[in-house]
């Protein structure tokens, strides 16, 4: 699924300058993001885990389980993201089954990546 195509015309896009924070580990999360332009570092306890590229999802776990952020996200370059709130997320899950499968695939891929690190 190409999230760039799905969200490129989003009315809810936001920009972040290089080195600014999209969100911090441990804080409440009411938005997820689709990275449209730029690069974002994802870190846990100060350790960078991966570098998000355009088309990647950021912060989706907080919408799924309504718990605080499990990681921090800092813009490495100037970035543009599509912001997705809980209602829009739920609407997409209901209307676009492929979106749900894509989110699950992303989560499974990240979990497998973490398994390899352990």
N, C-alpha and C. Protein backbone atom coordinates (compact mmCIF):
# COMPACT_ATOMS: atom_id res chain seq x y z
N UNK A 1 0.85 -1.17 0.00
CA UNK A 1 0.00 0.00 0.00
C UNK A 1 0.90 1.24 0.00
N UNK A 2 0.58 2.17 -0.85
CA UNK A 2 1.37 3.39 -0.96
C UNK A 2 0.70 4.51 -0.16
N UNK A 3 1.21 4.72 1.06
CA UNK A 3 0.63 5.75 1.91
C UNK A 3 0.90 7.16 1.40
N UNK A 4 1.99 7.33 0.65
CA UNK A 4 2.27 8.65 0.07
C UNK A 4 1.14 9.07 -0.85
N UNK A 5 0.69 8.15 -1.69
CA UNK A 5 -0.41 8.47 -2.60
C UNK A 5 -1.70 8.73 -1.83
N UNK A 6 -1.95 7.94 -0.79
CA UNK A 6 -3.18 8.10 -0.01
C UNK A 6 -3.25 9.44 0.71
N UNK A 7 -2.11 9.92 1.18
CA UNK A 7 -2.10 11.08 2.07
C UNK A 7 -1.48 12.34 1.47
N UNK A 8 -0.99 12.28 0.23
CA UNK A 8 -0.27 13.43 -0.32
C UNK A 8 -1.14 14.69 -0.43
N UNK A 9 -2.43 14.52 -0.54
CA UNK A 9 -3.33 15.67 -0.64
C UNK A 9 -4.06 15.93 0.67
N UNK A 10 -3.47 15.52 1.75
CA UNK A 10 -4.10 15.66 3.07
C UNK A 10 -4.27 17.13 3.43
N UNK A 11 -5.41 17.43 4.05
CA UNK A 11 -5.66 18.78 4.55
C UNK A 11 -5.07 18.97 5.94
N UNK A 12 -4.57 17.88 6.50
CA UNK A 12 -4.05 17.91 7.87
C UNK A 12 -2.53 17.78 7.90
N UNK A 13 -1.85 18.34 6.90
CA UNK A 13 -0.40 18.20 6.93
C UNK A 13 0.22 19.25 7.84
N UNK A 14 1.36 18.85 8.40
CA UNK A 14 2.13 19.71 9.31
C UNK A 14 3.58 19.68 8.86
N UNK A 15 4.29 20.73 9.19
CA UNK A 15 5.72 20.75 8.89
C UNK A 15 6.50 20.83 10.19
N UNK A 16 7.67 20.23 10.17
CA UNK A 16 8.60 20.26 11.30
C UNK A 16 9.97 20.61 10.75
N UNK A 17 10.65 21.51 11.40
CA UNK A 17 12.00 21.86 10.98
C UNK A 17 12.98 20.82 11.51
N UNK A 18 14.13 20.73 10.86
CA UNK A 18 15.17 19.79 11.27
C UNK A 18 15.47 19.97 12.76
N UNK A 19 15.63 18.86 13.45
CA UNK A 19 15.95 18.77 14.88
C UNK A 19 14.76 19.03 15.80
N UNK A 20 13.59 19.36 15.26
CA UNK A 20 12.43 19.54 16.14
C UNK A 20 11.82 18.17 16.44
N UNK A 21 11.06 18.13 17.53
CA UNK A 21 10.46 16.88 18.00
C UNK A 21 9.02 16.77 17.52
N UNK A 22 8.67 15.62 16.97
CA UNK A 22 7.29 15.33 16.61
C UNK A 22 6.54 14.86 17.85
N UNK A 23 7.21 14.01 18.65
CA UNK A 23 6.65 13.55 19.92
C UNK A 23 7.76 12.92 20.76
N UNK A 24 7.47 12.80 22.06
CA UNK A 24 8.43 12.26 23.02
C UNK A 24 7.90 10.98 23.66
N UNK A 25 8.81 10.06 23.88
CA UNK A 25 8.52 8.81 24.58
C UNK A 25 7.87 9.13 25.93
N UNK A 26 6.81 8.40 26.27
CA UNK A 26 6.15 8.55 27.55
C UNK A 26 5.03 9.57 27.59
N UNK A 27 4.87 10.36 26.52
CA UNK A 27 3.81 11.36 26.50
C UNK A 27 2.55 10.77 25.87
N UNK A 28 1.38 11.34 26.18
CA UNK A 28 0.15 10.85 25.54
C UNK A 28 0.20 11.09 24.04
N UNK A 29 -0.44 10.21 23.30
CA UNK A 29 -0.46 10.36 21.85
C UNK A 29 -1.87 10.38 21.31
N UNK A 30 -2.24 11.44 20.62
CA UNK A 30 -3.56 11.52 20.03
C UNK A 30 -3.51 11.65 18.52
N UNK A 31 -2.30 11.57 17.96
CA UNK A 31 -2.11 11.63 16.51
C UNK A 31 -1.09 10.60 16.08
N UNK A 32 -1.27 10.08 14.89
CA UNK A 32 -0.19 9.37 14.22
C UNK A 32 0.15 10.19 12.99
N UNK A 33 1.28 9.90 12.40
CA UNK A 33 1.72 10.66 11.24
C UNK A 33 2.11 9.72 10.11
N UNK A 34 1.90 10.20 8.90
CA UNK A 34 2.46 9.58 7.71
C UNK A 34 3.52 10.56 7.22
N UNK A 35 4.76 10.10 7.16
CA UNK A 35 5.84 10.97 6.73
C UNK A 35 5.75 11.17 5.21
N UNK A 36 5.57 12.41 4.79
CA UNK A 36 5.42 12.74 3.38
C UNK A 36 6.73 13.21 2.76
N UNK A 37 7.52 13.95 3.53
CA UNK A 37 8.81 14.46 3.05
C UNK A 37 9.77 14.51 4.22
N UNK A 38 11.05 14.22 3.96
CA UNK A 38 12.08 14.33 4.97
C UNK A 38 12.41 13.01 5.64
N UNK A 39 13.18 13.11 6.73
CA UNK A 39 13.61 11.94 7.50
C UNK A 39 13.39 12.22 8.98
N UNK A 40 12.97 11.18 9.72
CA UNK A 40 12.70 11.31 11.14
C UNK A 40 13.38 10.16 11.88
N UNK A 41 14.14 10.48 12.93
CA UNK A 41 14.77 9.46 13.77
C UNK A 41 13.79 8.99 14.83
N UNK A 42 13.66 7.68 14.97
CA UNK A 42 12.83 7.08 16.00
C UNK A 42 13.77 6.49 17.03
N UNK A 43 13.58 6.89 18.30
CA UNK A 43 14.48 6.43 19.35
C UNK A 43 13.72 6.02 20.59
N UNK A 44 14.33 5.13 21.36
CA UNK A 44 13.82 4.69 22.65
C UNK A 44 14.95 4.85 23.66
N UNK A 45 14.64 5.54 24.74
CA UNK A 45 15.64 5.82 25.80
C UNK A 45 16.95 6.37 25.21
N UNK A 46 16.80 7.24 24.21
CA UNK A 46 17.95 7.91 23.63
C UNK A 46 18.69 7.12 22.56
N UNK A 47 18.32 5.88 22.33
CA UNK A 47 18.99 5.07 21.31
C UNK A 47 18.17 5.08 20.03
N UNK A 48 18.78 5.53 18.94
CA UNK A 48 18.09 5.57 17.66
C UNK A 48 17.87 4.15 17.16
N UNK A 49 16.61 3.82 16.87
CA UNK A 49 16.26 2.48 16.39
C UNK A 49 16.18 2.41 14.88
N UNK A 50 15.63 3.45 14.27
CA UNK A 50 15.52 3.45 12.82
C UNK A 50 15.28 4.86 12.32
N UNK A 51 15.47 5.01 11.04
CA UNK A 51 15.29 6.30 10.38
C UNK A 51 14.09 6.20 9.45
N UNK A 52 13.02 6.90 9.79
CA UNK A 52 11.80 6.88 8.99
C UNK A 52 12.01 7.67 7.70
N UNK A 53 11.44 7.13 6.64
CA UNK A 53 11.54 7.71 5.31
C UNK A 53 10.12 8.04 4.82
N UNK A 54 10.00 8.84 3.77
CA UNK A 54 8.67 9.14 3.24
C UNK A 54 7.86 7.86 2.98
N UNK A 55 6.61 7.92 3.42
CA UNK A 55 5.71 6.77 3.30
C UNK A 55 5.59 5.97 4.58
N UNK A 56 6.47 6.23 5.56
CA UNK A 56 6.43 5.49 6.82
C UNK A 56 5.38 6.05 7.77
N UNK A 57 4.87 5.16 8.63
CA UNK A 57 3.95 5.53 9.70
C UNK A 57 4.74 5.86 10.95
N UNK A 58 4.28 6.85 11.70
CA UNK A 58 4.91 7.23 12.96
C UNK A 58 3.82 7.42 14.02
N UNK A 59 3.99 6.83 15.17
CA UNK A 59 3.08 7.09 16.28
C UNK A 59 1.77 6.34 16.24
N UNK A 60 1.67 5.33 15.40
CA UNK A 60 0.40 4.61 15.26
C UNK A 60 0.03 3.81 16.50
N UNK A 61 1.01 3.35 17.26
CA UNK A 61 0.70 2.52 18.43
C UNK A 61 -0.15 3.26 19.45
N UNK A 62 0.09 4.55 19.62
CA UNK A 62 -0.68 5.33 20.60
C UNK A 62 -2.16 5.41 20.23
N UNK A 63 -2.47 5.34 18.94
CA UNK A 63 -3.87 5.34 18.52
C UNK A 63 -4.50 3.95 18.67
N UNK A 64 -3.69 2.93 18.56
CA UNK A 64 -4.20 1.57 18.65
C UNK A 64 -4.51 1.18 20.09
N UNK A 65 -3.60 1.48 21.01
CA UNK A 65 -3.81 1.02 22.39
C UNK A 65 -4.08 2.13 23.40
N UNK A 66 -4.15 3.38 22.96
CA UNK A 66 -4.45 4.52 23.83
C UNK A 66 -3.50 4.64 25.02
N UNK A 67 -2.27 4.21 24.84
CA UNK A 67 -1.25 4.34 25.89
C UNK A 67 -0.25 5.40 25.46
N UNK A 68 0.64 5.74 26.37
CA UNK A 68 1.63 6.78 26.06
C UNK A 68 2.60 6.31 24.97
N UNK A 69 3.28 7.26 24.40
CA UNK A 69 4.23 6.98 23.32
C UNK A 69 5.31 6.02 23.80
N UNK A 70 5.64 5.04 22.98
CA UNK A 70 6.68 4.06 23.32
C UNK A 70 8.04 4.49 22.81
N UNK A 71 8.07 5.54 22.01
CA UNK A 71 9.33 6.02 21.41
C UNK A 71 9.23 7.52 21.20
N UNK A 72 10.36 8.11 20.86
CA UNK A 72 10.42 9.53 20.50
C UNK A 72 10.69 9.65 19.02
N UNK A 73 10.25 10.75 18.43
CA UNK A 73 10.47 11.00 17.01
C UNK A 73 10.99 12.42 16.84
N UNK A 74 12.18 12.53 16.24
CA UNK A 74 12.82 13.82 16.02
C UNK A 74 13.15 13.98 14.54
N UNK A 75 12.77 15.12 13.98
CA UNK A 75 13.06 15.40 12.58
C UNK A 75 14.57 15.48 12.37
N UNK A 76 15.06 14.71 11.44
CA UNK A 76 16.48 14.77 11.08
C UNK A 76 16.69 15.86 10.04
N UNK A 77 15.68 16.05 9.19
CA UNK A 77 15.69 17.09 8.17
C UNK A 77 14.36 17.83 8.29
N UNK A 78 14.19 18.88 7.53
CA UNK A 78 12.87 19.50 7.46
C UNK A 78 11.89 18.44 6.96
N UNK A 79 10.72 18.38 7.57
CA UNK A 79 9.76 17.32 7.25
C UNK A 79 8.36 17.87 7.04
N UNK A 80 7.61 17.10 6.27
CA UNK A 80 6.18 17.35 6.14
C UNK A 80 5.48 16.03 6.40
N UNK A 81 4.46 16.07 7.25
CA UNK A 81 3.73 14.87 7.62
C UNK A 81 2.23 15.10 7.45
N UNK A 82 1.49 14.01 7.26
CA UNK A 82 0.04 14.04 7.33
C UNK A 82 -0.32 13.60 8.74
N UNK A 83 -1.06 14.43 9.46
CA UNK A 83 -1.48 14.11 10.82
C UNK A 83 -2.81 13.37 10.75
N UNK A 84 -2.90 12.27 11.49
CA UNK A 84 -4.11 11.45 11.49
C UNK A 84 -4.58 11.30 12.94
N UNK A 85 -5.77 11.83 13.23
CA UNK A 85 -6.30 11.69 14.59
C UNK A 85 -7.04 10.36 14.73
N UNK A 86 -7.50 10.07 15.93
CA UNK A 86 -8.13 8.78 16.21
C UNK A 86 -9.37 8.54 15.33
N UNK A 87 -10.21 9.56 15.16
CA UNK A 87 -11.42 9.37 14.36
C UNK A 87 -11.09 9.05 12.91
N UNK A 88 -10.14 9.76 12.35
CA UNK A 88 -9.75 9.49 10.96
C UNK A 88 -9.13 8.10 10.84
N UNK A 89 -8.32 7.73 11.82
CA UNK A 89 -7.71 6.40 11.84
C UNK A 89 -8.80 5.33 11.85
N UNK A 90 -9.78 5.47 12.75
CA UNK A 90 -10.85 4.48 12.84
C UNK A 90 -11.69 4.44 11.56
N UNK A 91 -11.93 5.60 10.96
CA UNK A 91 -12.66 5.64 9.69
C UNK A 91 -11.90 4.89 8.60
N UNK A 92 -10.59 5.08 8.56
CA UNK A 92 -9.78 4.40 7.54
C UNK A 92 -9.76 2.90 7.78
N UNK A 93 -9.66 2.49 9.02
CA UNK A 93 -9.69 1.07 9.35
C UNK A 93 -11.00 0.45 8.87
N UNK A 94 -12.11 1.16 9.09
CA UNK A 94 -13.43 0.65 8.71
C UNK A 94 -13.64 0.66 7.20
N UNK A 95 -13.16 1.70 6.52
CA UNK A 95 -13.45 1.86 5.09
C UNK A 95 -12.43 1.24 4.16
N UNK A 96 -11.18 1.10 4.63
CA UNK A 96 -10.10 0.64 3.75
C UNK A 96 -9.40 -0.55 4.41
N UNK A 97 -9.89 -1.76 4.19
CA UNK A 97 -9.28 -2.94 4.83
C UNK A 97 -7.78 -3.06 4.57
N UNK A 98 -7.34 -2.65 3.40
CA UNK A 98 -5.91 -2.73 3.08
C UNK A 98 -5.08 -1.85 4.03
N UNK A 99 -5.67 -0.75 4.47
CA UNK A 99 -4.97 0.12 5.42
C UNK A 99 -4.72 -0.63 6.73
N UNK A 100 -5.74 -1.32 7.22
CA UNK A 100 -5.60 -2.10 8.46
C UNK A 100 -4.50 -3.14 8.32
N UNK A 101 -4.52 -3.85 7.19
CA UNK A 101 -3.50 -4.87 6.95
C UNK A 101 -2.11 -4.25 6.86
N UNK A 102 -2.03 -3.07 6.27
CA UNK A 102 -0.74 -2.39 6.16
C UNK A 102 -0.21 -2.01 7.55
N UNK A 103 -1.06 -1.47 8.40
CA UNK A 103 -0.65 -1.10 9.75
C UNK A 103 -0.17 -2.35 10.50
N UNK A 104 -0.90 -3.44 10.39
CA UNK A 104 -0.48 -4.68 11.06
C UNK A 104 0.85 -5.18 10.51
N UNK A 105 1.05 -5.06 9.21
CA UNK A 105 2.31 -5.48 8.59
C UNK A 105 3.48 -4.64 9.10
N UNK A 106 3.25 -3.34 9.21
CA UNK A 106 4.29 -2.44 9.73
C UNK A 106 4.66 -2.83 11.16
N UNK A 107 3.65 -3.07 11.99
CA UNK A 107 3.91 -3.45 13.38
C UNK A 107 4.65 -4.78 13.47
N UNK A 108 4.25 -5.76 12.64
CA UNK A 108 4.92 -7.06 12.64
C UNK A 108 6.38 -6.92 12.20
N UNK A 109 6.61 -6.11 11.19
CA UNK A 109 7.98 -5.90 10.70
C UNK A 109 8.86 -5.27 11.78
N UNK A 110 8.32 -4.29 12.48
CA UNK A 110 9.09 -3.65 13.54
C UNK A 110 9.36 -4.61 14.70
N UNK A 111 8.37 -5.43 15.05
CA UNK A 111 8.56 -6.41 16.11
C UNK A 111 9.63 -7.42 15.72
N UNK A 112 9.60 -7.88 14.49
CA UNK A 112 10.63 -8.83 14.03
C UNK A 112 12.02 -8.17 14.06
N UNK A 113 12.07 -6.90 13.69
CA UNK A 113 13.34 -6.18 13.76
C UNK A 113 13.87 -6.08 15.18
N UNK A 114 12.96 -5.84 16.13
CA UNK A 114 13.37 -5.77 17.54
C UNK A 114 13.83 -7.14 18.04
N UNK A 115 13.15 -8.20 17.58
CA UNK A 115 13.54 -9.56 17.95
C UNK A 115 14.97 -9.85 17.53
N UNK A 116 15.35 -9.38 16.36
CA UNK A 116 16.72 -9.61 15.87
C UNK A 116 17.75 -8.88 16.72
N UNK A 117 17.35 -7.76 17.32
CA UNK A 117 18.29 -6.99 18.14
C UNK A 117 18.54 -7.63 19.50
N UNK A 118 17.57 -8.42 19.95
CA UNK A 118 17.67 -9.02 21.31
C UNK A 118 18.58 -10.22 21.29
